[in-house]
N, C-alpha and C. Protein backbone atom coordinates (compact mmCIF):
# COMPACT_ATOMS: atom_id res chain seq x y z
N UNK A 1 0.85 -1.17 0.00
CA UNK A 1 0.00 0.00 0.00
C UNK A 1 0.90 1.23 0.00
N UNK A 2 0.54 2.20 -0.81
CA UNK A 2 1.34 3.42 -0.87
C UNK A 2 1.14 4.24 0.40
N UNK A 3 2.16 4.96 0.82
CA UNK A 3 2.04 5.78 2.04
C UNK A 3 0.93 6.82 1.94
N UNK A 4 0.73 7.36 0.75
CA UNK A 4 -0.32 8.36 0.57
C UNK A 4 -1.71 7.76 0.81
N UNK A 5 -1.95 6.57 0.28
CA UNK A 5 -3.22 5.87 0.47
C UNK A 5 -3.39 5.52 1.95
N UNK A 6 -2.30 5.10 2.59
CA UNK A 6 -2.31 4.77 4.02
C UNK A 6 -2.77 5.97 4.85
N UNK A 7 -2.20 7.13 4.57
CA UNK A 7 -2.57 8.35 5.30
C UNK A 7 -4.03 8.72 5.02
N UNK A 8 -4.45 8.60 3.77
CA UNK A 8 -5.84 8.91 3.45
C UNK A 8 -6.80 7.95 4.17
N UNK A 9 -6.42 6.70 4.27
CA UNK A 9 -7.31 5.72 4.90
C UNK A 9 -7.31 5.83 6.41
N UNK A 10 -6.26 6.30 7.01
CA UNK A 10 -6.19 6.42 8.48
C UNK A 10 -6.60 7.83 8.90
N UNK A 11 -5.81 8.82 8.58
CA UNK A 11 -6.05 10.18 9.04
C UNK A 11 -7.14 10.86 8.26
N UNK A 12 -7.26 10.54 6.98
CA UNK A 12 -8.33 11.12 6.16
C UNK A 12 -9.69 10.65 6.61
N UNK A 13 -9.79 9.37 6.95
CA UNK A 13 -11.06 8.82 7.45
C UNK A 13 -11.43 9.45 8.78
N UNK A 14 -10.45 9.64 9.65
CA UNK A 14 -10.71 10.29 10.94
C UNK A 14 -11.22 11.71 10.74
N UNK A 15 -10.60 12.44 9.82
CA UNK A 15 -11.05 13.80 9.54
C UNK A 15 -12.46 13.80 8.96
N UNK A 16 -12.75 12.87 8.06
CA UNK A 16 -14.08 12.75 7.49
C UNK A 16 -15.12 12.47 8.58
N UNK A 17 -14.81 11.58 9.49
CA UNK A 17 -15.73 11.28 10.61
C UNK A 17 -15.96 12.51 11.47
N UNK A 18 -14.92 13.29 11.69
CA UNK A 18 -15.09 14.49 12.52
C UNK A 18 -16.03 15.50 11.83
N UNK A 19 -15.94 15.61 10.51
CA UNK A 19 -16.83 16.48 9.75
C UNK A 19 -18.26 15.98 9.82
N UNK A 20 -18.45 14.66 9.73
CA UNK A 20 -19.79 14.08 9.85
C UNK A 20 -20.37 14.37 11.22
N UNK A 21 -19.57 14.17 12.28
CA UNK A 21 -20.04 14.50 13.64
C UNK A 21 -20.41 15.98 13.75
N UNK A 22 -19.63 16.82 13.10
CA UNK A 22 -19.87 18.26 13.19
C UNK A 22 -21.21 18.65 12.54
N UNK A 23 -21.47 18.12 11.37
CA UNK A 23 -22.69 18.49 10.65
C UNK A 23 -23.92 17.68 11.04
N UNK A 24 -23.71 16.53 11.63
CA UNK A 24 -24.83 15.68 12.05
C UNK A 24 -24.64 15.23 13.50
N UNK A 25 -24.73 16.17 14.44
CA UNK A 25 -24.55 15.80 15.85
C UNK A 25 -25.72 14.96 16.34
N UNK A 26 -25.49 14.16 17.39
CA UNK A 26 -26.60 13.37 17.93
C UNK A 26 -27.63 14.29 18.57
N UNK A 27 -28.88 13.95 18.41
CA UNK A 27 -29.96 14.79 18.96
C UNK A 27 -30.27 14.46 20.42
N UNK A 28 -30.29 13.18 20.74
CA UNK A 28 -30.64 12.74 22.09
C UNK A 28 -29.59 11.74 22.57
N UNK A 29 -29.56 11.52 23.87
CA UNK A 29 -28.68 10.53 24.44
C UNK A 29 -29.03 9.17 23.86
N UNK A 30 -28.04 8.49 23.33
CA UNK A 30 -28.27 7.17 22.73
C UNK A 30 -27.06 6.29 22.98
N UNK A 31 -27.18 5.04 22.60
CA UNK A 31 -26.11 4.07 22.84
C UNK A 31 -25.21 3.84 21.62
N UNK A 32 -25.47 4.53 20.52
CA UNK A 32 -24.72 4.25 19.30
C UNK A 32 -23.87 5.39 18.79
N UNK A 33 -24.29 6.62 18.95
CA UNK A 33 -23.69 7.72 18.20
C UNK A 33 -23.48 8.92 19.11
N UNK A 34 -22.26 9.43 19.15
CA UNK A 34 -21.97 10.62 19.91
C UNK A 34 -20.86 10.37 20.93
N UNK A 35 -20.57 11.42 21.69
CA UNK A 35 -19.56 11.34 22.74
C UNK A 35 -20.22 10.78 23.98
N UNK A 36 -19.89 9.52 24.30
CA UNK A 36 -20.55 8.84 25.41
C UNK A 36 -19.54 8.43 26.47
N UNK A 37 -19.51 9.16 27.56
CA UNK A 37 -18.77 8.72 28.73
C UNK A 37 -19.77 8.71 29.88
N UNK A 38 -19.33 8.21 31.00
CA UNK A 38 -20.25 8.10 32.14
C UNK A 38 -20.81 9.48 32.51
N UNK A 39 -19.97 10.49 32.51
CA UNK A 39 -20.44 11.83 32.85
C UNK A 39 -21.27 12.47 31.73
N UNK A 40 -20.92 12.19 30.49
CA UNK A 40 -21.59 12.82 29.36
C UNK A 40 -23.05 12.37 29.20
N UNK A 41 -23.41 11.22 29.74
CA UNK A 41 -24.78 10.74 29.58
C UNK A 41 -25.63 10.95 30.84
N UNK A 42 -25.18 11.77 31.77
CA UNK A 42 -25.96 12.01 32.98
C UNK A 42 -27.28 12.72 32.68
N UNK A 43 -27.24 13.73 31.83
CA UNK A 43 -28.47 14.44 31.45
C UNK A 43 -28.28 15.11 30.09
N UNK A 44 -29.36 15.66 29.57
CA UNK A 44 -29.34 16.26 28.22
C UNK A 44 -28.42 17.47 28.14
N UNK A 45 -28.35 18.27 29.21
CA UNK A 45 -27.51 19.46 29.21
C UNK A 45 -26.04 19.07 29.04
N UNK A 46 -25.59 18.10 29.81
CA UNK A 46 -24.21 17.64 29.68
C UNK A 46 -23.99 16.99 28.33
N UNK A 47 -24.97 16.21 27.87
CA UNK A 47 -24.86 15.52 26.59
C UNK A 47 -24.63 16.53 25.45
N UNK A 48 -25.43 17.57 25.41
CA UNK A 48 -25.29 18.59 24.36
C UNK A 48 -23.96 19.32 24.46
N UNK A 49 -23.59 19.69 25.68
CA UNK A 49 -22.31 20.39 25.88
C UNK A 49 -21.15 19.50 25.45
N UNK A 50 -21.14 18.26 25.92
CA UNK A 50 -20.03 17.35 25.64
C UNK A 50 -19.90 17.07 24.15
N UNK A 51 -21.01 16.82 23.48
CA UNK A 51 -20.96 16.53 22.05
C UNK A 51 -20.53 17.76 21.25
N UNK A 52 -21.00 18.93 21.63
CA UNK A 52 -20.61 20.15 20.94
C UNK A 52 -19.12 20.41 21.13
N UNK A 53 -18.66 20.34 22.36
CA UNK A 53 -17.26 20.61 22.66
C UNK A 53 -16.35 19.58 22.01
N UNK A 54 -16.70 18.30 22.15
CA UNK A 54 -15.88 17.23 21.58
C UNK A 54 -15.77 17.37 20.07
N UNK A 55 -16.87 17.68 19.42
CA UNK A 55 -16.86 17.79 17.96
C UNK A 55 -15.92 18.88 17.49
N UNK A 56 -15.94 20.01 18.17
CA UNK A 56 -15.01 21.11 17.80
C UNK A 56 -13.57 20.69 17.99
N UNK A 57 -13.27 20.03 19.10
CA UNK A 57 -11.92 19.56 19.36
C UNK A 57 -11.52 18.49 18.34
N UNK A 58 -12.44 17.59 18.06
CA UNK A 58 -12.21 16.48 17.13
C UNK A 58 -11.88 16.99 15.74
N UNK A 59 -12.64 17.97 15.25
CA UNK A 59 -12.37 18.54 13.93
C UNK A 59 -10.99 19.20 13.92
N UNK A 60 -10.71 19.97 14.93
CA UNK A 60 -9.44 20.69 14.99
C UNK A 60 -8.24 19.72 15.02
N UNK A 61 -8.27 18.78 15.92
CA UNK A 61 -7.12 17.90 16.07
C UNK A 61 -7.01 16.84 14.98
N UNK A 62 -8.14 16.41 14.42
CA UNK A 62 -8.04 15.46 13.30
C UNK A 62 -7.53 16.18 12.05
N UNK A 63 -7.87 17.45 11.88
CA UNK A 63 -7.34 18.21 10.75
C UNK A 63 -5.82 18.40 10.89
N UNK A 64 -5.39 18.72 12.10
CA UNK A 64 -3.95 18.86 12.36
C UNK A 64 -3.24 17.54 12.09
N UNK A 65 -3.83 16.45 12.57
CA UNK A 65 -3.26 15.12 12.37
C UNK A 65 -3.16 14.78 10.88
N UNK A 66 -4.19 15.10 10.14
CA UNK A 66 -4.23 14.82 8.70
C UNK A 66 -3.15 15.61 7.96
N UNK A 67 -3.04 16.88 8.28
CA UNK A 67 -2.04 17.73 7.62
C UNK A 67 -0.62 17.25 7.94
N UNK A 68 -0.37 16.96 9.22
CA UNK A 68 0.97 16.48 9.58
C UNK A 68 1.30 15.14 8.94
N UNK A 69 0.31 14.25 8.86
CA UNK A 69 0.53 12.95 8.23
C UNK A 69 0.83 13.12 6.74
N UNK A 70 0.09 14.02 6.08
CA UNK A 70 0.38 14.27 4.67
C UNK A 70 1.77 14.87 4.49
N UNK A 71 2.15 15.75 5.40
CA UNK A 71 3.48 16.35 5.36
C UNK A 71 4.56 15.28 5.57
N UNK A 72 4.31 14.36 6.48
CA UNK A 72 5.24 13.25 6.68
C UNK A 72 5.42 12.42 5.42
N UNK A 73 4.33 12.13 4.75
CA UNK A 73 4.40 11.35 3.51
C UNK A 73 5.19 12.10 2.45
N UNK A 74 4.98 13.39 2.39
CA UNK A 74 5.68 14.20 1.40
C UNK A 74 7.19 14.25 1.68
N UNK A 75 7.55 14.41 2.97
CA UNK A 75 8.96 14.55 3.33
C UNK A 75 9.67 13.21 3.43
N UNK A 76 8.94 12.19 3.87
CA UNK A 76 9.56 10.87 4.09
C UNK A 76 8.60 9.81 3.57
N UNK A 77 8.73 9.40 2.32
CA UNK A 77 7.78 8.48 1.71
C UNK A 77 7.68 7.10 2.39
N UNK A 78 8.68 6.69 3.15
CA UNK A 78 8.64 5.40 3.82
C UNK A 78 8.18 5.57 5.26
N UNK A 79 6.90 5.63 5.45
CA UNK A 79 6.35 5.78 6.80
C UNK A 79 5.70 4.48 7.22
N UNK A 80 5.55 4.31 8.54
CA UNK A 80 4.91 3.07 9.01
C UNK A 80 3.89 3.38 10.10
N UNK A 81 4.33 3.65 11.29
CA UNK A 81 3.44 3.80 12.43
C UNK A 81 3.05 5.24 12.70
N UNK A 82 3.69 6.21 12.12
CA UNK A 82 3.49 7.61 12.44
C UNK A 82 2.04 8.10 12.21
N UNK A 83 1.41 7.82 11.07
CA UNK A 83 0.03 8.28 10.89
C UNK A 83 -0.94 7.69 11.92
N UNK A 84 -0.73 6.44 12.26
CA UNK A 84 -1.59 5.81 13.27
C UNK A 84 -1.37 6.47 14.64
N UNK A 85 -0.14 6.79 14.95
CA UNK A 85 0.16 7.45 16.22
C UNK A 85 -0.48 8.85 16.25
N UNK A 86 -0.42 9.56 15.14
CA UNK A 86 -1.05 10.88 15.07
C UNK A 86 -2.56 10.77 15.24
N UNK A 87 -3.17 9.73 14.68
CA UNK A 87 -4.61 9.54 14.80
C UNK A 87 -4.98 9.26 16.27
N UNK A 88 -4.26 8.37 16.91
CA UNK A 88 -4.55 8.04 18.31
C UNK A 88 -4.32 9.26 19.20
N UNK A 89 -3.28 9.99 18.93
CA UNK A 89 -2.99 11.21 19.70
C UNK A 89 -4.09 12.25 19.55
N UNK A 90 -4.58 12.43 18.34
CA UNK A 90 -5.65 13.42 18.13
C UNK A 90 -6.93 13.01 18.83
N UNK A 91 -7.26 11.73 18.81
CA UNK A 91 -8.43 11.26 19.57
C UNK A 91 -8.23 11.43 21.06
N UNK A 92 -7.06 11.06 21.56
CA UNK A 92 -6.80 11.18 22.98
C UNK A 92 -6.86 12.62 23.47
N UNK A 93 -6.27 13.52 22.72
CA UNK A 93 -6.29 14.94 23.11
C UNK A 93 -7.73 15.46 23.11
N UNK A 94 -8.52 15.08 22.12
CA UNK A 94 -9.92 15.52 22.06
C UNK A 94 -10.71 15.03 23.25
N UNK A 95 -10.52 13.79 23.63
CA UNK A 95 -11.24 13.22 24.78
C UNK A 95 -10.77 13.88 26.08
N UNK A 96 -9.48 14.04 26.26
CA UNK A 96 -8.95 14.64 27.48
C UNK A 96 -9.44 16.07 27.63
N UNK A 97 -9.38 16.86 26.57
CA UNK A 97 -9.86 18.24 26.64
C UNK A 97 -11.35 18.30 26.94
N UNK A 98 -12.14 17.38 26.38
CA UNK A 98 -13.58 17.36 26.64
C UNK A 98 -13.85 17.02 28.09
N UNK A 99 -13.16 16.03 28.61
CA UNK A 99 -13.37 15.65 30.02
C UNK A 99 -12.96 16.78 30.96
N UNK A 100 -11.90 17.49 30.63
CA UNK A 100 -11.51 18.65 31.44
C UNK A 100 -12.58 19.73 31.41
N UNK A 101 -13.15 19.97 30.24
CA UNK A 101 -14.21 20.97 30.12
C UNK A 101 -15.46 20.53 30.88
N UNK A 102 -15.79 19.25 30.84
CA UNK A 102 -16.94 18.75 31.60
C UNK A 102 -16.70 18.92 33.08
N UNK A 103 -15.53 18.60 33.57
CA UNK A 103 -15.21 18.76 35.00
C UNK A 103 -15.20 20.22 35.41
N UNK A 104 -14.83 21.09 34.51
CA UNK A 104 -14.80 22.53 34.81
C UNK A 104 -16.20 23.13 34.86
N UNK A 105 -17.11 22.64 34.03
CA UNK A 105 -18.44 23.24 33.89
C UNK A 105 -19.56 22.51 34.61
N UNK A 106 -19.34 21.26 35.03
CA UNK A 106 -20.41 20.49 35.67
C UNK A 106 -19.87 19.80 36.92
N UNK A 107 -20.73 19.64 37.91
CA UNK A 107 -20.32 18.88 39.10
C UNK A 107 -20.57 17.39 38.86
N UNK A 108 -20.30 16.58 39.88
CA UNK A 108 -20.43 15.13 39.72
C UNK A 108 -21.88 14.66 39.56
N UNK A 109 -22.82 15.49 39.95
CA UNK A 109 -24.24 15.12 39.85
C UNK A 109 -24.88 15.63 38.53
N UNK A 110 -24.12 16.33 37.72
CA UNK A 110 -24.61 16.77 36.44
C UNK A 110 -25.17 18.19 36.42
N UNK A 111 -24.96 18.94 37.49
CA UNK A 111 -25.44 20.32 37.53
C UNK A 111 -24.33 21.26 37.11
N UNK A 112 -24.73 22.34 36.42
CA UNK A 112 -23.74 23.35 36.01
C UNK A 112 -23.16 24.03 37.20
N UNK A 113 -21.87 24.31 37.14
CA UNK A 113 -21.18 25.02 38.24
C UNK A 113 -21.43 26.50 38.14
């Protein structure tokens, strides 16, 4: 598989998913679609905040990941694990920032601070 196709299939797919989440956010708490953590599903207010915040972070960091992965392919055509690491890092940063925002804005019972 060519490195360019590899990046498109890993980081490009992640970026595409972030765009889909951005334009088609989940409407109600569900078990299939959206940002679902124990705190995020406590009530509708947290659910909407978490999904909105996560989506913005997800688009931003997946775009950065995609651009850096494409840059890696351009500069070093023999890549292996780097695009996957960038994808995992972008997901991790998005989740961590969302959880920090939830802890900053909501208490443990789901009420706004």
